Amino acid sequence: MSYLVPSEFVTKMVDSGESKVFMSTRDTLIRAFMAGAILALAAVFAVTVTVQTGSPLVGAMLFPVGFIMLYLMGFDLLTGVFVLTPLALLDKRPGVTTGGVLRNWGLVFLGNFGGALLVAFMMAFVFTMGFSTDPGPVGVKISSIGEARTLGYAEFGAAGWATIFLRGMLCNWMVSMGVVGAMISTTVSGKAIAMWMPIMLFFFMGFEHSVVNMFLFPSAMIMGGDFSILDYMIWNEIPTALGNLVGGLAFTGLTLYTTHVRTAPKRALVR
């Protein structure tokens, strides 16, 4: 595959972050909506494969198809803009402000949530034949995931909250590597391979992705999961989103930007 050196693709990261800050409200919302919907379908697909094969590894291996599709189409996830837009601010790109970055995050959050929620309702309808039957094995599995990843954490109090936060950090460390992976190659196959590896890792390890959870938990509640909206927000979505922000920016965005754009002075040669 055609490969770009780090100094080239990190500059592309900053350029991408700048373009997202200045994108219109309409385009930002549409792109985010479609990203949330496609990732939600990928999550349903992965859970279905896991249930039918009995192998979480197979589900994790196939989940990245959704991520690859949405990024090839130029759609935006919250986890991606968490990493890219702050780099444009750090690089002092003209017109990029803290308010502009926060505006982008807010719009992408709303768009992702809207897309994920639509798919949650549609799939719940499909699984239950219009809410007239039990949800079946896949629906039951989704409901159990929702309960385990809210009430299961709540049992441990502050330690549970911290665990979600750390899982969110680890998740977007890997997911942001996938975002960057799409920039290191100029071929579709190269982009797909570079994105596939870290996305498969995060999904199989059970790390917490704020946009995937925007589908899983509303879907679980619609199909009878025994937890509340408050449980979902406090014991999953909020700490997950914060962890995604810190992990992606600290482990991927800042490390690449610092060492390939704002590099330290070269070591003097001692003769």
Protein backbone atom coordinates (compact mmCIF):
# COMPACT_ATOMS: atom_id res chain seq x y z
CA MET A 1 0.00 0.00 0.00
CA SER A 2 1.12 3.59 -0.58
CA TYR A 3 2.40 4.84 2.76
CA LEU A 4 2.71 8.41 4.02
CA VAL A 5 5.46 9.15 6.53
CA PRO A 6 4.35 10.42 9.96
CA SER A 7 5.25 14.06 9.28
CA GLU A 8 2.87 13.97 6.30
CA PHE A 9 -0.11 12.17 7.83
CA VAL A 10 0.07 14.13 11.10
CA THR A 11 -0.21 17.33 9.06
CA LYS A 12 -3.29 15.76 7.45
CA MET A 13 -4.67 15.20 10.96
CA VAL A 14 -4.33 18.90 11.77
CA ASP A 15 -5.83 19.90 8.41
CA SER A 16 -8.76 17.54 9.01
CA GLY A 17 -9.37 18.97 12.47
CA GLU A 18 -9.38 22.50 11.06
CA SER A 19 -11.88 21.61 8.33
CA LYS A 20 -14.25 20.03 10.87
CA VAL A 21 -14.25 23.15 13.06
CA PHE A 22 -15.38 25.29 10.10
CA MET A 23 -17.89 22.80 8.69
CA SER A 24 -21.49 24.02 8.50
CA THR A 25 -23.97 22.96 11.16
CA ARG A 26 -26.05 21.06 8.59
CA ASP A 27 -23.13 19.08 7.20
CA THR A 28 -21.71 18.33 10.65
CA LEU A 29 -25.04 16.96 11.88
CA ILE A 30 -25.69 14.88 8.77
CA ARG A 31 -22.22 13.34 8.75
CA ALA A 32 -22.42 12.60 12.47
CA PHE A 33 -25.93 11.14 12.16
CA MET A 34 -24.84 8.74 9.44
CA ALA A 35 -21.72 7.75 11.37
CA GLY A 36 -23.76 6.93 14.48
CA ALA A 37 -26.27 4.92 12.45
CA ILE A 38 -23.65 2.89 10.57
CA LEU A 39 -21.65 2.14 13.71
CA ALA A 40 -24.87 1.04 15.44
CA LEU A 41 -25.60 -1.39 12.61
CA ALA A 42 -22.05 -2.72 12.89
CA ALA A 43 -22.61 -3.29 16.61
CA VAL A 44 -25.83 -5.23 15.90
CA PHE A 45 -23.96 -7.24 13.29
CA ALA A 46 -21.12 -8.08 15.69
CA VAL A 47 -23.48 -9.09 18.50
CA THR A 48 -25.52 -11.22 16.07
CA VAL A 49 -22.39 -12.99 14.84
CA THR A 50 -21.22 -13.55 18.42
CA VAL A 51 -24.56 -15.05 19.45
CA GLN A 52 -24.87 -17.26 16.38
CA THR A 53 -21.29 -18.54 16.38
CA GLY A 54 -20.69 -18.52 20.13
CA SER A 55 -17.36 -16.80 19.44
CA PRO A 56 -16.78 -13.20 20.59
CA LEU A 57 -13.55 -13.20 18.58
CA VAL A 58 -15.42 -13.72 15.30
CA GLY A 59 -17.77 -10.86 16.17
CA ALA A 60 -14.80 -8.61 16.97
CA MET A 61 -13.06 -9.54 13.74
CA LEU A 62 -16.11 -8.47 11.71
CA PHE A 63 -17.17 -5.35 13.66
CA PRO A 64 -14.57 -3.08 11.95
CA VAL A 65 -16.48 -3.25 8.63
CA GLY A 66 -18.84 -0.57 9.97
CA PHE A 67 -16.02 1.69 11.09
CA ILE A 68 -14.28 1.32 7.75
CA MET A 69 -17.46 2.08 5.80
CA LEU A 70 -18.27 5.25 7.70
CA TYR A 71 -14.75 6.66 7.48
CA LEU A 72 -14.43 5.91 3.78
CA MET A 73 -17.66 7.89 3.33
CA GLY A 74 -16.21 10.84 5.28
CA PHE A 75 -18.64 10.62 8.22
CA ASP A 76 -17.65 11.72 11.73
CA LEU A 77 -17.65 10.02 15.11
CA LEU A 78 -17.31 11.83 18.41
CA THR A 79 -14.23 9.74 19.21
CA GLY A 80 -12.55 10.99 16.05
CA VAL A 81 -13.24 14.71 16.49
CA PHE A 82 -12.09 14.45 20.11
CA VAL A 83 -8.62 13.80 18.68
CA LEU A 84 -8.48 15.88 15.51
CA THR A 85 -10.09 19.25 16.28
CA PRO A 86 -7.92 20.13 19.34
CA LEU A 87 -4.82 19.72 17.16
CA ALA A 88 -5.97 22.59 14.93
CA LEU A 89 -6.36 24.71 18.06
CA LEU A 90 -2.89 23.77 19.33
CA ASP A 91 -1.43 24.53 15.89
CA LYS A 92 -2.95 28.01 16.09
CA ARG A 93 -4.80 27.66 12.80
CA PRO A 94 -6.45 31.01 11.92
CA GLY A 95 -9.99 31.29 13.21
CA VAL A 96 -9.91 28.07 15.24
CA THR A 97 -11.10 28.78 18.77
CA THR A 98 -11.99 26.78 21.86
CA GLY A 99 -15.62 27.68 21.25
CA GLY A 100 -15.41 26.35 17.71
CA VAL A 101 -13.97 23.05 18.91
CA LEU A 102 -16.64 22.68 21.60
CA ARG A 103 -19.35 23.53 19.06
CA ASN A 104 -18.10 20.75 16.80
CA TRP A 105 -18.05 18.25 19.66
CA GLY A 106 -21.60 19.17 20.67
CA LEU A 107 -22.99 18.87 17.15
CA VAL A 108 -21.23 15.57 16.50
CA PHE A 109 -22.51 14.20 19.82
CA LEU A 110 -26.09 15.11 18.88
CA GLY A 111 -25.75 13.69 15.39
CA ASN A 112 -24.15 10.44 16.55
CA PHE A 113 -26.82 10.01 19.21
CA GLY A 114 -29.63 10.65 16.75
CA GLY A 115 -28.31 8.09 14.27
CA ALA A 116 -27.64 5.48 16.93
CA LEU A 117 -31.07 6.02 18.52
CA LEU A 118 -32.86 5.59 15.19
CA VAL A 119 -31.11 2.26 14.58
CA ALA A 120 -31.81 1.20 18.19
CA PHE A 121 -35.54 1.72 17.62
CA MET A 122 -35.53 0.10 14.17
CA MET A 123 -33.66 -2.99 15.33
CA ALA A 124 -35.80 -3.32 18.45
CA PHE A 125 -38.86 -3.21 16.18
CA VAL A 126 -37.33 -5.89 13.93
CA PHE A 127 -36.30 -8.16 16.81
CA THR A 128 -39.77 -8.03 18.39
CA MET A 129 -41.97 -8.05 15.26
CA GLY A 130 -43.22 -4.57 16.03
CA PHE A 131 -43.00 -5.07 19.82
CA SER A 132 -45.44 -7.98 19.68
CA THR A 133 -43.05 -10.82 20.62
CA ASP A 134 -40.00 -11.45 22.81
CA PRO A 135 -36.78 -9.99 21.37
CA GLY A 136 -35.04 -13.30 20.73
CA PRO A 137 -31.45 -14.32 21.53
CA VAL A 138 -29.75 -11.26 20.02
CA GLY A 139 -32.13 -8.84 21.70
CA VAL A 140 -31.68 -10.63 25.03
CA LYS A 141 -27.91 -10.40 24.62
CA ILE A 142 -28.07 -6.66 23.95
CA SER A 143 -30.28 -6.17 27.02
CA SER A 144 -27.85 -8.12 29.19
CA ILE A 145 -24.94 -6.01 27.93
CA GLY A 146 -26.83 -2.85 28.90
CA GLU A 147 -27.44 -4.07 32.43
CA ALA A 148 -23.92 -5.42 32.95
CA ARG A 149 -22.31 -2.18 31.78
CA THR A 150 -24.39 0.10 33.98
CA LEU A 151 -25.59 -1.66 37.12
CA GLY A 152 -22.53 -3.91 37.01
CA TYR A 153 -20.26 -0.88 37.35
CA ALA A 154 -22.54 0.86 39.85
CA GLU A 155 -22.07 -2.01 42.32
CA PHE A 156 -18.46 -0.92 42.77
CA GLY A 157 -19.12 2.79 43.27
CA ALA A 158 -16.17 5.08 42.55
CA ALA A 159 -13.99 2.14 41.53
CA GLY A 160 -16.61 1.13 38.96
CA TRP A 161 -16.81 4.67 37.59
CA ALA A 162 -13.01 4.81 37.33
CA THR A 163 -13.01 1.46 35.54
CA ILE A 164 -15.41 2.79 32.90
CA PHE A 165 -13.26 5.89 32.50
CA LEU A 166 -10.12 3.82 31.97
CA ARG A 167 -11.90 1.51 29.53
CA GLY A 168 -12.99 4.62 27.66
CA MET A 169 -9.39 5.84 27.54
CA LEU A 170 -8.13 2.51 26.24
CA CYS A 171 -10.94 2.39 23.70
CA ASN A 172 -10.20 5.70 22.04
CA TRP A 173 -6.47 5.08 22.15
CA MET A 174 -7.20 2.24 19.76
CA VAL A 175 -10.07 3.86 17.85
CA SER A 176 -8.05 7.01 17.22
CA MET A 177 -5.27 4.80 15.88
CA GLY A 178 -7.88 3.61 13.40
CA VAL A 179 -8.76 7.21 12.51
CA VAL A 180 -5.09 7.97 11.92
CA GLY A 181 -4.72 4.67 10.08
CA ALA A 182 -7.11 5.95 7.43
CA MET A 183 -4.64 8.76 6.74
CA ILE A 184 -1.42 6.80 6.39
CA SER A 185 -2.32 5.23 3.06
CA THR A 186 -3.66 6.52 -0.24
CA THR A 187 -5.27 3.21 -1.25
CA VAL A 188 -8.60 1.79 -0.07
CA SER A 189 -7.05 -1.55 0.85
CA GLY A 190 -4.27 0.13 2.81
CA LYS A 191 -6.73 2.31 4.71
CA ALA A 192 -8.94 -0.71 5.50
CA ILE A 193 -6.07 -2.80 6.85
CA ALA A 194 -4.72 0.05 8.97
CA MET A 195 -8.17 0.72 10.46
CA TRP A 196 -9.08 -2.93 10.98
CA MET A 197 -6.40 -3.87 13.50
CA PRO A 198 -6.98 -1.39 16.36
CA ILE A 199 -10.80 -1.47 15.98
CA MET A 200 -10.86 -5.26 16.29
CA LEU A 201 -8.68 -5.01 19.40
CA PHE A 202 -10.91 -2.48 21.19
CA PHE A 203 -14.11 -4.41 20.47
CA PHE A 204 -12.79 -7.80 21.55
CA MET A 205 -11.30 -6.38 24.75
CA GLY A 206 -14.66 -4.89 25.78
CA PHE A 207 -13.43 -1.30 25.97
CA GLU A 208 -16.09 1.42 26.19
CA HIS A 209 -16.95 3.43 23.06
CA SER A 210 -19.32 6.34 23.62
CA VAL A 211 -21.01 6.08 20.20
CA VAL A 212 -21.43 2.30 20.26
CA ASN A 213 -23.01 2.75 23.69
CA MET A 214 -25.42 5.33 22.27
CA PHE A 215 -26.95 2.37 20.46
CA LEU A 216 -26.47 -0.49 22.94
CA PHE A 217 -28.06 1.11 25.97
CA PRO A 218 -31.15 2.75 24.46
CA SER A 219 -31.70 -0.48 22.52
CA ALA A 220 -31.40 -2.51 25.72
CA MET A 221 -33.88 -0.23 27.50
CA ILE A 222 -36.40 -0.46 24.65
CA MET A 223 -36.22 -4.26 24.83
CA GLY A 224 -36.69 -4.47 28.59
CA GLY A 225 -33.27 -3.90 30.15
CA ASP A 226 -33.69 -3.29 33.88
CA PHE A 227 -31.89 0.04 34.28
CA SER A 228 -32.79 3.72 33.92
CA ILE A 229 -31.69 6.58 31.70
CA LEU A 230 -29.92 8.06 34.73
CA ASP A 231 -28.07 4.77 35.27
CA TYR A 232 -26.98 4.84 31.64
CA MET A 233 -25.74 8.43 31.74
CA ILE A 234 -23.95 8.32 35.10
CA TRP A 235 -22.66 4.76 34.99
CA ASN A 236 -21.65 4.64 31.37
CA GLU A 237 -22.07 7.43 28.83
CA ILE A 238 -20.51 10.31 30.80
CA PRO A 239 -17.39 8.51 32.09
CA THR A 240 -17.01 6.73 28.74
CA ALA A 241 -17.09 9.99 26.76
CA LEU A 242 -14.61 11.62 29.15
CA GLY A 243 -12.33 8.61 28.92
CA ASN A 244 -12.60 8.62 25.13
CA LEU A 245 -11.57 12.28 25.09
CA VAL A 246 -8.57 11.88 27.38
CA GLY A 247 -7.33 8.59 25.92
CA GLY A 248 -7.54 9.54 22.25
CA LEU A 249 -6.05 12.99 22.68
CA ALA A 250 -3.30 12.04 25.15
CA PHE A 251 -2.16 8.72 23.68
CA THR A 252 -2.60 9.42 19.97
CA GLY A 253 -3.24 13.06 19.05
CA LEU A 254 -0.75 14.81 21.30
CA THR A 255 2.01 12.23 21.01
CA LEU A 256 1.96 12.31 17.21
CA TYR A 257 1.58 16.09 17.02
CA THR A 258 4.36 16.75 19.53
CA THR A 259 6.91 14.45 17.93
CA HIS A 260 6.12 15.01 14.24
CA VAL A 261 4.87 18.63 13.99
CA ARG A 262 6.16 20.53 17.02
CA THR A 263 9.32 18.54 17.32
CA ALA A 264 12.02 19.31 19.87
CA PRO A 265 15.34 20.71 18.64
CA LYS A 266 17.53 18.09 17.02
CA ARG A 267 20.30 16.68 19.14
CA ALA A 268 23.59 18.45 18.59
CA LEU A 269 26.31 16.32 17.09
CA VAL A 270 29.34 16.15 19.39
CA ARG A 271 32.58 15.95 17.44
